[in-house]
Amino acid sequence: MLPHLEIRRIGPDFYTYSVSAGKADACRNEDPIDSLERCLNDAGDSLGHYFPSVSVSLDGQDLGSYSVQRLLQNPVGLAAELLVKATPPSRKLS
C-alpha cells in the first residue's frame, strides 16, 4: 500500500498537509508550516518508520511517488522539484 501525502498552500509561503493510507482516516496537520521544505520533512518524520515511499500531491495536482528518505534527507531539493512540476505548463519558463 502506498500512502498519499496531500499538501495544500494556505498562503504565499504557508502549507498544511494530510497523509492517508488506503481507506484509513487521514492524519492531518492543520497547523500552518512556514515552508514547503519543512512540510515535507515533517510528513517524512511521520511516515519514515512505516513506509518506504509516498505519492505526493500539491494543491490537488498529483506529482508522483517519492522515497520517504528523500523527504527527510533532501527536502529543499524535493520542494524545488515539486514546485516546478506543479507550475502549469503555460507558466513554465522555456
C-alpha atoms as a PDB file:
ATOM      1  CA  MET A   1       0.000   0.000   0.000  1.00  0.00           C
ATOM      2  CA  LEU A   2       1.326   3.405  -1.000  1.00  0.00           C
ATOM      3  CA  PRO A   3       0.328   6.256   1.307  1.00  0.00           C
ATOM      4  CA  HIS A   4      -0.637   9.627  -0.111  1.00  0.00           C
ATOM      5  CA  LEU A   5       0.718  12.982   1.068  1.00  0.00           C
ATOM      6  CA  GLU A   6      -1.634  15.814   0.150  1.00  0.00           C
ATOM      7  CA  ILE A   7      -0.079  19.258   0.573  1.00  0.00           C
ATOM      8  CA  ARG A   8      -2.176  22.429   0.399  1.00  0.00           C
ATOM      9  CA  ARG A   9      -0.956  26.014   0.107  1.00  0.00           C
ATOM     10  CA  ILE A  10      -2.788  28.275   2.517  1.00  0.00           C
ATOM     11  CA  GLY A  11      -0.787  31.414   1.776  1.00  0.00           C
ATOM     12  CA  PRO A  12       2.244  32.533  -0.227  1.00  0.00           C
ATOM     13  CA  ASP A  13       4.675  30.570   1.959  1.00  0.00           C
ATOM     14  CA  PHE A  14       2.414  28.513   4.243  1.00  0.00           C
ATOM     15  CA  TYR A  15       1.301  24.914   3.861  1.00  0.00           C
ATOM     16  CA  THR A  16      -0.741  22.230   5.601  1.00  0.00           C
ATOM     17  CA  TYR A  17      -0.802  18.548   4.794  1.00  0.00           C
ATOM     18  CA  SER A  18      -2.598  15.278   5.337  1.00  0.00           C
ATOM     19  CA  VAL A  19      -1.385  11.707   4.992  1.00  0.00           C
ATOM     20  CA  SER A  20      -3.726   8.855   4.124  1.00  0.00           C
ATOM     21  CA  ALA A  21      -3.159   5.154   3.578  1.00  0.00           C
ATOM     22  CA  GLY A  22      -5.861   3.079   1.950  1.00  0.00           C
ATOM     23  CA  LYS A  23      -9.300   3.537   3.443  1.00  0.00           C
ATOM     24  CA  ALA A  24      -7.942   4.635   6.826  1.00  0.00           C
ATOM     25  CA  ASP A  25      -8.764   8.124   8.045  1.00  0.00           C
ATOM     26  CA  ALA A  26      -6.241  10.748   7.016  1.00  0.00           C
ATOM     27  CA  CYS A  27      -3.776  12.102   9.531  1.00  0.00           C
ATOM     28  CA  ARG A  28      -3.976  15.874   9.202  1.00  0.00           C
ATOM     29  CA  ASN A  29      -1.635  18.650  10.213  1.00  0.00           C
ATOM     30  CA  GLU A  30      -3.808  21.764  10.299  1.00  0.00           C
ATOM     31  CA  ASP A  31      -1.113  23.989  11.806  1.00  0.00           C
ATOM     32  CA  PRO A  32       0.432  26.204   9.115  1.00  0.00           C
ATOM     33  CA  ILE A  33       4.018  25.276   8.269  1.00  0.00           C
ATOM     34  CA  ASP A  34       6.170  28.154   7.013  1.00  0.00           C
ATOM     35  CA  SER A  35       7.863  26.400   4.071  1.00  0.00           C
ATOM     36  CA  LEU A  36       7.318  23.517   1.705  1.00  0.00           C
ATOM     37  CA  GLU A  37      10.666  22.051   2.814  1.00  0.00           C
ATOM     38  CA  ARG A  38       9.555  21.894   6.451  1.00  0.00           C
ATOM     39  CA  CYS A  39       6.221  20.441   5.406  1.00  0.00           C
ATOM     40  CA  LEU A  40       7.972  17.629   3.514  1.00  0.00           C
ATOM     41  CA  ASN A  41      10.332  16.964   6.400  1.00  0.00           C
ATOM     42  CA  ASP A  42       7.507  16.909   8.949  1.00  0.00           C
ATOM     43  CA  ALA A  43       5.487  14.490   6.820  1.00  0.00           C
ATOM     44  CA  GLY A  44       8.591  12.360   6.285  1.00  0.00           C
ATOM     45  CA  ASP A  45       9.051  12.117  10.051  1.00  0.00           C
ATOM     46  CA  SER A  46       5.554  10.713  10.427  1.00  0.00           C
ATOM     47  CA  LEU A  47       5.976   8.235   7.533  1.00  0.00           C
ATOM     48  CA  GLY A  48       9.605   7.192   7.921  1.00  0.00           C
ATOM     49  CA  HIS A  49       9.203   4.248  10.242  1.00  0.00           C
ATOM     50  CA  TYR A  50       6.267   2.734   8.403  1.00  0.00           C
ATOM     51  CA  PHE A  51       6.548   3.322   4.635  1.00  0.00           C
ATOM     52  CA  PRO A  52       9.442   3.378   2.146  1.00  0.00           C
ATOM     53  CA  SER A  53       7.697   5.704  -0.355  1.00  0.00           C
ATOM     54  CA  VAL A  54       4.740   8.044  -0.682  1.00  0.00           C
ATOM     55  CA  SER A  55       2.711   9.580  -3.504  1.00  0.00           C
ATOM     56  CA  VAL A  56       2.624  13.378  -3.317  1.00  0.00           C
ATOM     57  CA  SER A  57       0.131  15.970  -4.492  1.00  0.00           C
ATOM     58  CA  LEU A  58       0.293  19.736  -4.188  1.00  0.00           C
ATOM     59  CA  ASP A  59      -2.955  21.709  -4.318  1.00  0.00           C
ATOM     60  CA  GLY A  60      -4.732  18.691  -5.802  1.00  0.00           C
ATOM     61  CA  GLN A  61      -2.202  18.036  -8.568  1.00  0.00           C
ATOM     62  CA  ASP A  62      -0.583  14.570  -8.405  1.00  0.00           C
ATOM     63  CA  LEU A  63       3.181  14.965  -8.707  1.00  0.00           C
ATOM     64  CA  GLY A  64       4.437  11.383  -8.435  1.00  0.00           C
ATOM     65  CA  SER A  65       5.874   8.969  -5.911  1.00  0.00           C
ATOM     66  CA  TYR A  66       8.981   9.653  -3.859  1.00  0.00           C
ATOM     67  CA  SER A  67      11.149   7.882  -1.343  1.00  0.00           C
ATOM     68  CA  VAL A  68      10.319   8.891   2.223  1.00  0.00           C
ATOM     69  CA  GLN A  69      14.079   9.122   2.794  1.00  0.00           C
ATOM     70  CA  ARG A  70      14.170  11.885   0.172  1.00  0.00           C
ATOM     71  CA  LEU A  71      11.577  13.855   2.148  1.00  0.00           C
ATOM     72  CA  LEU A  72      13.855  13.551   5.168  1.00  0.00           C
ATOM     73  CA  GLN A  73      17.303  13.915   3.597  1.00  0.00           C
ATOM     74  CA  ASN A  74      16.726  16.404   0.780  1.00  0.00           C
ATOM     75  CA  PRO A  75      13.539  18.375   1.432  1.00  0.00           C
ATOM     76  CA  VAL A  76      14.988  21.519  -0.179  1.00  0.00           C
ATOM     77  CA  GLY A  77      15.748  19.776  -3.475  1.00  0.00           C
ATOM     78  CA  LEU A  78      12.457  17.890  -3.500  1.00  0.00           C
ATOM     79  CA  ALA A  79      10.491  21.068  -2.736  1.00  0.00           C
ATOM     80  CA  ALA A  80      12.126  22.820  -5.696  1.00  0.00           C
ATOM     81  CA  GLU A  81      11.300  19.853  -7.957  1.00  0.00           C
ATOM     82  CA  LEU A  82       7.683  19.719  -6.796  1.00  0.00           C
ATOM     83  CA  LEU A  83       7.181  23.448  -7.340  1.00  0.00           C
ATOM     84  CA  VAL A  84       8.461  23.139 -10.919  1.00  0.00           C
ATOM     85  CA  LYS A  85       6.211  20.154 -11.586  1.00  0.00           C
ATOM     86  CA  ALA A  86       3.221  21.948 -10.068  1.00  0.00           C
ATOM     87  CA  THR A  87       3.666  25.024 -12.258  1.00  0.00           C
ATOM     88  CA  PRO A  88       1.061  24.998 -15.041  1.00  0.00           C
ATOM     89  CA  PRO A  89       2.666  24.442 -18.490  1.00  0.00           C
ATOM     90  CA  SER A  90       1.735  27.949 -19.651  1.00  0.00           C
ATOM     91  CA  ARG A  91       3.706  29.460 -16.759  1.00  0.00           C
ATOM     92  CA  LYS A  92       6.884  27.366 -17.122  1.00  0.00           C
ATOM     93  CA  LEU A  93       9.879  29.159 -18.493  1.00  0.00           C
ATOM     94  CA  SER A  94      11.375  27.875 -21.760  1.00  0.00           C
END
